[in-house]
Amino acid sequence: MADTLTPLIRDLLEWIAKQPRTHAEVIDGWRTSCPRLPVWEEATDHGLVARKGRMVELTARGRAFLEDHGASNA
């Protein structure tokens, strides 16, 4: 994972961890067409988040990522 993406992915994971988020809400706020900032795509590809029906939640790997990267609300 590119170092430039790590803080952005941490922000995404912290945002999801704060309260339940729908897939539509996550995609609306975090999907990008910029090839240099594929935050949602990287989080998904690395198994940090998972879609459960309409909702998106952190996986165990996502929670570990937050712990490893100094998240405030893991």
PDB file of N, CA and C in Angstrom:
ATOM      1  N   MET A   1       0.844  -1.171   0.000  1.00  0.00           N
ATOM      2  CA  MET A   1       0.000   0.000   0.000  1.00  0.00           C
ATOM      3  C   MET A   1       0.893   1.239   0.000  1.00  0.00           C
ATOM      4  N   ALA A   2       0.600   2.171  -0.863  1.00  0.00           N
ATOM      5  CA  ALA A   2       1.419   3.376  -0.976  1.00  0.00           C
ATOM      6  C   ALA A   2       1.327   4.217   0.294  1.00  0.00           C
ATOM      7  N   ASP A   3       2.461   4.754   0.716  1.00  0.00           N
ATOM      8  CA  ASP A   3       2.493   5.565   1.931  1.00  0.00           C
ATOM      9  C   ASP A   3       1.566   6.772   1.855  1.00  0.00           C
ATOM     10  N   THR A   4       1.359   7.318   0.680  1.00  0.00           N
ATOM     11  CA  THR A   4       0.460   8.474   0.555  1.00  0.00           C
ATOM     12  C   THR A   4      -0.996   8.093   0.834  1.00  0.00           C
ATOM     13  N   LEU A   5      -1.330   6.828   0.637  1.00  0.00           N
ATOM     14  CA  LEU A   5      -2.703   6.384   0.874  1.00  0.00           C
ATOM     15  C   LEU A   5      -2.969   6.009   2.327  1.00  0.00           C
ATOM     16  N   THR A   6      -1.950   5.657   3.067  1.00  0.00           N
ATOM     17  CA  THR A   6      -2.157   5.168   4.428  1.00  0.00           C
ATOM     18  C   THR A   6      -2.972   6.127   5.290  1.00  0.00           C
ATOM     19  N   PRO A   7      -2.652   7.430   5.356  1.00  0.00           N
ATOM     20  CA  PRO A   7      -3.479   8.322   6.183  1.00  0.00           C
ATOM     21  C   PRO A   7      -4.923   8.429   5.695  1.00  0.00           C
ATOM     22  N   LEU A   8      -5.112   8.377   4.391  1.00  0.00           N
ATOM     23  CA  LEU A   8      -6.474   8.460   3.843  1.00  0.00           C
ATOM     24  C   LEU A   8      -7.268   7.197   4.156  1.00  0.00           C
ATOM     25  N   ILE A   9      -6.624   6.052   4.049  1.00  0.00           N
ATOM     26  CA  ILE A   9      -7.296   4.797   4.389  1.00  0.00           C
ATOM     27  C   ILE A   9      -7.625   4.775   5.875  1.00  0.00           C
ATOM     28  N   ARG A  10      -6.707   5.247   6.702  1.00  0.00           N
ATOM     29  CA  ARG A  10      -6.986   5.340   8.139  1.00  0.00           C
ATOM     30  C   ARG A  10      -8.210   6.226   8.382  1.00  0.00           C
ATOM     31  N   ASP A  11      -8.293   7.358   7.699  1.00  0.00           N
ATOM     32  CA  ASP A  11      -9.455   8.248   7.836  1.00  0.00           C
ATOM     33  C   ASP A  11     -10.751   7.525   7.451  1.00  0.00           C
ATOM     34  N   LEU A  12     -10.716   6.809   6.342  1.00  0.00           N
ATOM     35  CA  LEU A  12     -11.888   6.054   5.904  1.00  0.00           C
ATOM     36  C   LEU A  12     -12.292   5.038   6.963  1.00  0.00           C
ATOM     37  N   LEU A  13     -11.346   4.267   7.462  1.00  0.00           N
ATOM     38  CA  LEU A  13     -11.656   3.235   8.439  1.00  0.00           C
ATOM     39  C   LEU A  13     -12.174   3.832   9.747  1.00  0.00           C
ATOM     40  N   GLU A  14     -11.586   4.934  10.177  1.00  0.00           N
ATOM     41  CA  GLU A  14     -12.071   5.601  11.391  1.00  0.00           C
ATOM     42  C   GLU A  14     -13.506   6.091  11.187  1.00  0.00           C
ATOM     43  N   TRP A  15     -13.785   6.630  10.015  1.00  0.00           N
ATOM     44  CA  TRP A  15     -15.116   7.133   9.696  1.00  0.00           C
ATOM     45  C   TRP A  15     -16.142   6.000   9.732  1.00  0.00           C
ATOM     46  N   ILE A  16     -15.797   4.859   9.154  1.00  0.00           N
ATOM     47  CA  ILE A  16     -16.698   3.707   9.163  1.00  0.00           C
ATOM     48  C   ILE A  16     -16.862   3.169  10.585  1.00  0.00           C
ATOM     49  N   ALA A  17     -15.790   3.176  11.370  1.00  0.00           N
ATOM     50  CA  ALA A  17     -15.833   2.627  12.728  1.00  0.00           C
ATOM     51  C   ALA A  17     -16.710   3.451  13.672  1.00  0.00           C
ATOM     52  N   LYS A  18     -16.886   4.731  13.386  1.00  0.00           N
ATOM     53  CA  LYS A  18     -17.655   5.606  14.285  1.00  0.00           C
ATOM     54  C   LYS A  18     -19.130   5.250  14.349  1.00  0.00           C
ATOM     55  N   GLN A  19     -19.707   4.837  13.233  1.00  0.00           N
ATOM     56  CA  GLN A  19     -21.123   4.468  13.198  1.00  0.00           C
ATOM     57  C   GLN A  19     -21.393   3.648  11.955  1.00  0.00           C
ATOM     58  N   PRO A  20     -22.479   2.894  11.951  1.00  0.00           N
ATOM     59  CA  PRO A  20     -22.801   2.092  10.765  1.00  0.00           C
ATOM     60  C   PRO A  20     -22.952   2.988   9.527  1.00  0.00           C
ATOM     61  N   ARG A  21     -22.419   2.513   8.412  1.00  0.00           N
ATOM     62  CA  ARG A  21     -22.486   3.256   7.143  1.00  0.00           C
ATOM     63  C   ARG A  21     -23.044   2.354   6.061  1.00  0.00           C
ATOM     64  N   THR A  22     -23.931   2.911   5.246  1.00  0.00           N
ATOM     65  CA  THR A  22     -24.422   2.144   4.107  1.00  0.00           C
ATOM     66  C   THR A  22     -23.371   2.159   3.001  1.00  0.00           C
ATOM     67  N   HIS A  23     -23.481   1.161   2.137  1.00  0.00           N
ATOM     68  CA  HIS A  23     -22.561   1.092   1.001  1.00  0.00           C
ATOM     69  C   HIS A  23     -22.693   2.354   0.148  1.00  0.00           C
ATOM     70  N   ALA A  24     -23.919   2.802  -0.074  1.00  0.00           N
ATOM     71  CA  ALA A  24     -24.136   4.007  -0.888  1.00  0.00           C
ATOM     72  C   ALA A  24     -23.461   5.222  -0.258  1.00  0.00           C
ATOM     73  N   GLU A  25     -23.561   5.353   1.048  1.00  0.00           N
ATOM     74  CA  GLU A  25     -22.934   6.477   1.754  1.00  0.00           C
ATOM     75  C   GLU A  25     -21.409   6.423   1.618  1.00  0.00           C
ATOM     76  N   VAL A  26     -20.842   5.245   1.764  1.00  0.00           N
ATOM     77  CA  VAL A  26     -19.391   5.092   1.653  1.00  0.00           C
ATOM     78  C   VAL A  26     -18.927   5.407   0.233  1.00  0.00           C
ATOM     79  N   ILE A  27     -19.605   4.852  -0.738  1.00  0.00           N
ATOM     80  CA  ILE A  27     -19.224   5.083  -2.132  1.00  0.00           C
ATOM     81  C   ILE A  27     -19.366   6.556  -2.492  1.00  0.00           C
ATOM     82  N   ASP A  28     -20.433   7.185  -2.038  1.00  0.00           N
ATOM     83  CA  ASP A  28     -20.642   8.600  -2.328  1.00  0.00           C
ATOM     84  C   ASP A  28     -19.511   9.456  -1.771  1.00  0.00           C
ATOM     85  N   GLY A  29     -19.028   9.108  -0.609  1.00  0.00           N
ATOM     86  CA  GLY A  29     -17.998   9.917   0.033  1.00  0.00           C
ATOM     87  C   GLY A  29     -16.562   9.529  -0.284  1.00  0.00           C
ATOM     88  N   TRP A  30     -16.326   8.282  -0.689  1.00  0.00           N
ATOM     89  CA  TRP A  30     -14.942   7.816  -0.763  1.00  0.00           C
ATOM     90  C   TRP A  30     -14.499   7.238  -2.085  1.00  0.00           C
ATOM     91  N   ARG A  31     -15.371   6.964  -2.992  1.00  0.00           N
ATOM     92  CA  ARG A  31     -14.926   6.423  -4.284  1.00  0.00           C
ATOM     93  C   ARG A  31     -14.386   7.557  -5.123  1.00  0.00           C
ATOM     94  N   THR A  32     -13.345   7.297  -5.863  1.00  0.00           N
ATOM     95  CA  THR A  32     -12.739   8.329  -6.689  1.00  0.00           C
ATOM     96  C   THR A  32     -12.340   7.761  -8.039  1.00  0.00           C
ATOM     97  N   SER A  33     -12.284   8.627  -9.002  1.00  0.00           N
ATOM     98  CA  SER A  33     -11.798   8.208 -10.310  1.00  0.00           C
ATOM     99  C   SER A  33     -10.323   8.563 -10.474  1.00  0.00           C
ATOM    100  N   CYS A  34      -9.745   9.171  -9.434  1.00  0.00           N
ATOM    101  CA  CYS A  34      -8.331   9.546  -9.484  1.00  0.00           C
ATOM    102  C   CYS A  34      -7.472   8.298  -9.290  1.00  0.00           C
ATOM    103  N   PRO A  35      -6.655   7.950 -10.275  1.00  0.00           N
ATOM    104  CA  PRO A  35      -5.849   6.735 -10.145  1.00  0.00           C
ATOM    105  C   PRO A  35      -4.787   6.819  -9.042  1.00  0.00           C
ATOM    106  N   ARG A  36      -4.502   8.007  -8.554  1.00  0.00           N
ATOM    107  CA  ARG A  36      -3.497   8.149  -7.495  1.00  0.00           C
ATOM    108  C   ARG A  36      -4.082   8.063  -6.097  1.00  0.00           C
ATOM    109  N   LEU A  37      -5.401   8.154  -5.970  1.00  0.00           N
ATOM    110  CA  LEU A  37      -6.036   8.135  -4.654  1.00  0.00           C
ATOM    111  C   LEU A  37      -7.202   7.136  -4.585  1.00  0.00           C
ATOM    112  N   PRO A  38      -6.927   5.877  -4.840  1.00  0.00           N
ATOM    113  CA  PRO A  38      -7.997   4.868  -4.821  1.00  0.00           C
ATOM    114  C   PRO A  38      -8.272   4.352  -3.398  1.00  0.00           C
ATOM    115  N   VAL A  39      -8.729   5.233  -2.522  1.00  0.00           N
ATOM    116  CA  VAL A  39      -8.859   4.904  -1.100  1.00  0.00           C
ATOM    117  C   VAL A  39      -9.824   3.740  -0.878  1.00  0.00           C
ATOM    118  N   TRP A  40     -11.052   3.864  -1.351  1.00  0.00           N
ATOM    119  CA  TRP A  40     -12.035   2.795  -1.175  1.00  0.00           C
ATOM    120  C   TRP A  40     -11.557   1.505  -1.826  1.00  0.00           C
ATOM    121  N   GLU A  41     -11.035   1.613  -3.018  1.00  0.00           N
ATOM    122  CA  GLU A  41     -10.591   0.433  -3.749  1.00  0.00           C
ATOM    123  C   GLU A  41      -9.456  -0.286  -3.017  1.00  0.00           C
ATOM    124  N   GLU A  42      -8.501   0.468  -2.488  1.00  0.00           N
ATOM    125  CA  GLU A  42      -7.388  -0.137  -1.743  1.00  0.00           C
ATOM    126  C   GLU A  42      -7.879  -0.794  -0.459  1.00  0.00           C
ATOM    127  N   ALA A  43      -8.765  -0.130   0.256  1.00  0.00           N
ATOM    128  CA  ALA A  43      -9.301  -0.700   1.498  1.00  0.00           C
ATOM    129  C   ALA A  43     -10.038  -2.007   1.213  1.00  0.00           C
ATOM    130  N   THR A  44     -10.778  -2.035   0.126  1.00  0.00           N
ATOM    131  CA  THR A  44     -11.499  -3.246  -0.263  1.00  0.00           C
ATOM    132  C   THR A  44     -10.533  -4.333  -0.713  1.00  0.00           C
ATOM    133  N   ASP A  45      -9.602  -3.984  -1.582  1.00  0.00           N
ATOM    134  CA  ASP A  45      -8.642  -4.960  -2.106  1.00  0.00           C
ATOM    135  C   ASP A  45      -7.806  -5.602  -1.012  1.00  0.00           C
ATOM    136  N   HIS A  46      -7.500  -4.845   0.040  1.00  0.00           N
ATOM    137  CA  HIS A  46      -6.673  -5.359   1.133  1.00  0.00           C
ATOM    138  C   HIS A  46      -7.494  -6.009   2.245  1.00  0.00           C
ATOM    139  N   GLY A  47      -8.804  -6.130   2.038  1.00  0.00           N
ATOM    140  CA  GLY A  47      -9.655  -6.813   3.004  1.00  0.00           C
ATOM    141  C   GLY A  47      -9.849  -6.051   4.302  1.00  0.00           C
ATOM    142  N   LEU A  48      -9.776  -4.715   4.252  1.00  0.00           N
ATOM    143  CA  LEU A  48      -9.931  -3.906   5.458  1.00  0.00           C
ATOM    144  C   LEU A  48     -11.395  -3.608   5.759  1.00  0.00           C
ATOM    145  N   VAL A  49     -12.229  -3.670   4.743  1.00  0.00           N
ATOM    146  CA  VAL A  49     -13.661  -3.443   4.880  1.00  0.00           C
ATOM    147  C   VAL A  49     -14.404  -4.548   4.140  1.00  0.00           C
ATOM    148  N   ALA A  50     -15.652  -4.748   4.533  1.00  0.00           N
ATOM    149  CA  ALA A  50     -16.478  -5.747   3.866  1.00  0.00           C
ATOM    150  C   ALA A  50     -17.907  -5.224   3.787  1.00  0.00           C
ATOM    151  N   ARG A  51     -18.555  -5.569   2.728  1.00  0.00           N
ATOM    152  CA  ARG A  51     -19.954  -5.201   2.556  1.00  0.00           C
ATOM    153  C   ARG A  51     -20.808  -6.331   3.121  1.00  0.00           C
ATOM    154  N   LYS A  52     -21.729  -5.963   3.979  1.00  0.00           N
ATOM    155  CA  LYS A  52     -22.684  -6.907   4.572  1.00  0.00           C
ATOM    156  C   LYS A  52     -24.071  -6.413   4.227  1.00  0.00           C
ATOM    157  N   GLY A  53     -24.630  -6.924   3.153  1.00  0.00           N
ATOM    158  CA  GLY A  53     -25.911  -6.417   2.671  1.00  0.00           C
ATOM    159  C   GLY A  53     -25.742  -4.976   2.217  1.00  0.00           C
ATOM    160  N   ARG A  54     -26.528  -4.055   2.780  1.00  0.00           N
ATOM    161  CA  ARG A  54     -26.439  -2.633   2.425  1.00  0.00           C
ATOM    162  C   ARG A  54     -25.338  -1.914   3.198  1.00  0.00           C
ATOM    163  N   MET A  55     -24.811  -2.559   4.228  1.00  0.00           N
ATOM    164  CA  MET A  55     -23.872  -1.899   5.127  1.00  0.00           C
ATOM    165  C   MET A  55     -22.421  -2.260   4.803  1.00  0.00           C
ATOM    166  N   VAL A  56     -21.527  -1.368   5.217  1.00  0.00           N
ATOM    167  CA  VAL A  56     -20.084  -1.618   5.108  1.00  0.00           C
ATOM    168  C   VAL A  56     -19.543  -1.634   6.521  1.00  0.00           C
ATOM    169  N   GLU A  57     -18.695  -2.596   6.816  1.00  0.00           N
ATOM    170  CA  GLU A  57     -18.112  -2.669   8.144  1.00  0.00           C
ATOM    171  C   GLU A  57     -16.630  -3.010   8.059  1.00  0.00           C
ATOM    172  N   LEU A  58     -15.936  -2.735   9.139  1.00  0.00           N
ATOM    173  CA  LEU A  58     -14.522  -3.086   9.213  1.00  0.00           C
ATOM    174  C   LEU A  58     -14.388  -4.583   9.410  1.00  0.00           C
ATOM    175  N   THR A  59     -13.365  -5.133   8.825  1.00  0.00           N
ATOM    176  CA  THR A  59     -13.025  -6.526   9.066  1.00  0.00           C
ATOM    177  C   THR A  59     -12.031  -6.563  10.236  1.00  0.00           C
ATOM    178  N   ALA A  60     -11.681  -7.751  10.657  1.00  0.00           N
ATOM    179  CA  ALA A  60     -10.656  -7.884  11.697  1.00  0.00           C
ATOM    180  C   ALA A  60      -9.347  -7.263  11.203  1.00  0.00           C
ATOM    181  N   ARG A  61      -9.062  -7.443   9.942  1.00  0.00           N
ATOM    182  CA  ARG A  61      -7.858  -6.844   9.348  1.00  0.00           C
ATOM    183  C   ARG A  61      -7.935  -5.316   9.372  1.00  0.00           C
ATOM    184  N   GLY A  62      -9.123  -4.766   9.138  1.00  0.00           N
ATOM    185  CA  GLY A  62      -9.314  -3.317   9.193  1.00  0.00           C
ATOM    186  C   GLY A  62      -9.114  -2.775  10.594  1.00  0.00           C
ATOM    187  N   ARG A  63      -9.643  -3.482  11.596  1.00  0.00           N
ATOM    188  CA  ARG A  63      -9.440  -3.062  12.989  1.00  0.00           C
ATOM    189  C   ARG A  63      -7.963  -3.124  13.361  1.00  0.00           C
ATOM    190  N   ALA A  64      -7.284  -4.163  12.900  1.00  0.00           N
ATOM    191  CA  ALA A  64      -5.843  -4.276  13.164  1.00  0.00           C
ATOM    192  C   ALA A  64      -5.079  -3.137  12.486  1.00  0.00           C
ATOM    193  N   PHE A  65      -5.489  -2.769  11.278  1.00  0.00           N
ATOM    194  CA  PHE A  65      -4.855  -1.653  10.575  1.00  0.00           C
ATOM    195  C   PHE A  65      -4.967  -0.375  11.415  1.00  0.00           C
ATOM    196  N   LEU A  66      -6.164  -0.127  11.971  1.00  0.00           N
ATOM    197  CA  LEU A  66      -6.339   1.056  12.801  1.00  0.00           C
ATOM    198  C   LEU A  66      -5.448   1.015  14.038  1.00  0.00           C
ATOM    199  N   GLU A  67      -5.367  -0.126  14.660  1.00  0.00           N
ATOM    200  CA  GLU A  67      -4.490  -0.255  15.823  1.00  0.00           C
ATOM    201  C   GLU A  67      -3.030  -0.011  15.457  1.00  0.00           C
ATOM    202  N   ASP A  68      -2.619  -0.563  14.331  1.00  0.00           N
ATOM    203  CA  ASP A  68      -1.221  -0.430  13.882  1.00  0.00           C
ATOM    204  C   ASP A  68      -0.856   0.973  13.420  1.00  0.00           C
ATOM    205  N   HIS A  69      -1.857   1.750  13.022  1.00  0.00           N
ATOM    206  CA  HIS A  69      -1.586   3.072  12.460  1.00  0.00           C
ATOM    207  C   HIS A  69      -2.078   4.214  13.344  1.00  0.00           C
ATOM    208  N   GLY A  70      -2.173   3.956  14.636  1.00  0.00           N
ATOM    209  CA  GLY A  70      -2.444   5.011  15.596  1.00  0.00           C
ATOM    210  C   GLY A  70      -3.798   5.663  15.495  1.00  0.00           C
ATOM    211  N   ALA A  71      -4.823   4.890  15.196  1.00  0.00           N
ATOM    212  CA  ALA A  71      -6.163   5.470  15.090  1.00  0.00           C
ATOM    213  C   ALA A  71      -6.671   5.902  16.457  1.00  0.00           C
ATOM    214  N   SER A  72      -7.464   6.941  16.454  1.00  0.00           N
ATOM    215  CA  SER A  72      -7.993   7.471  17.703  1.00  0.00           C
ATOM    216  C   SER A  72      -9.213   6.719  18.205  1.00  0.00           C
ATOM    217  N   ASN A  73     -10.011   6.139  17.299  1.00  0.00           N
ATOM    218  CA  ASN A  73     -11.251   5.470  17.706  1.00  0.00           C
ATOM    219  C   ASN A  73     -11.386   4.081  17.118  1.00  0.00           C
ATOM    220  N   ALA A  74     -10.395   3.252  17.262  1.00  0.00           N
ATOM    221  CA  ALA A  74     -10.456   1.909  16.689  1.00  0.00           C
ATOM    222  C   ALA A  74     -11.430   1.105  17.399  1.00  0.00           C
TER     223      ALA A  74
END
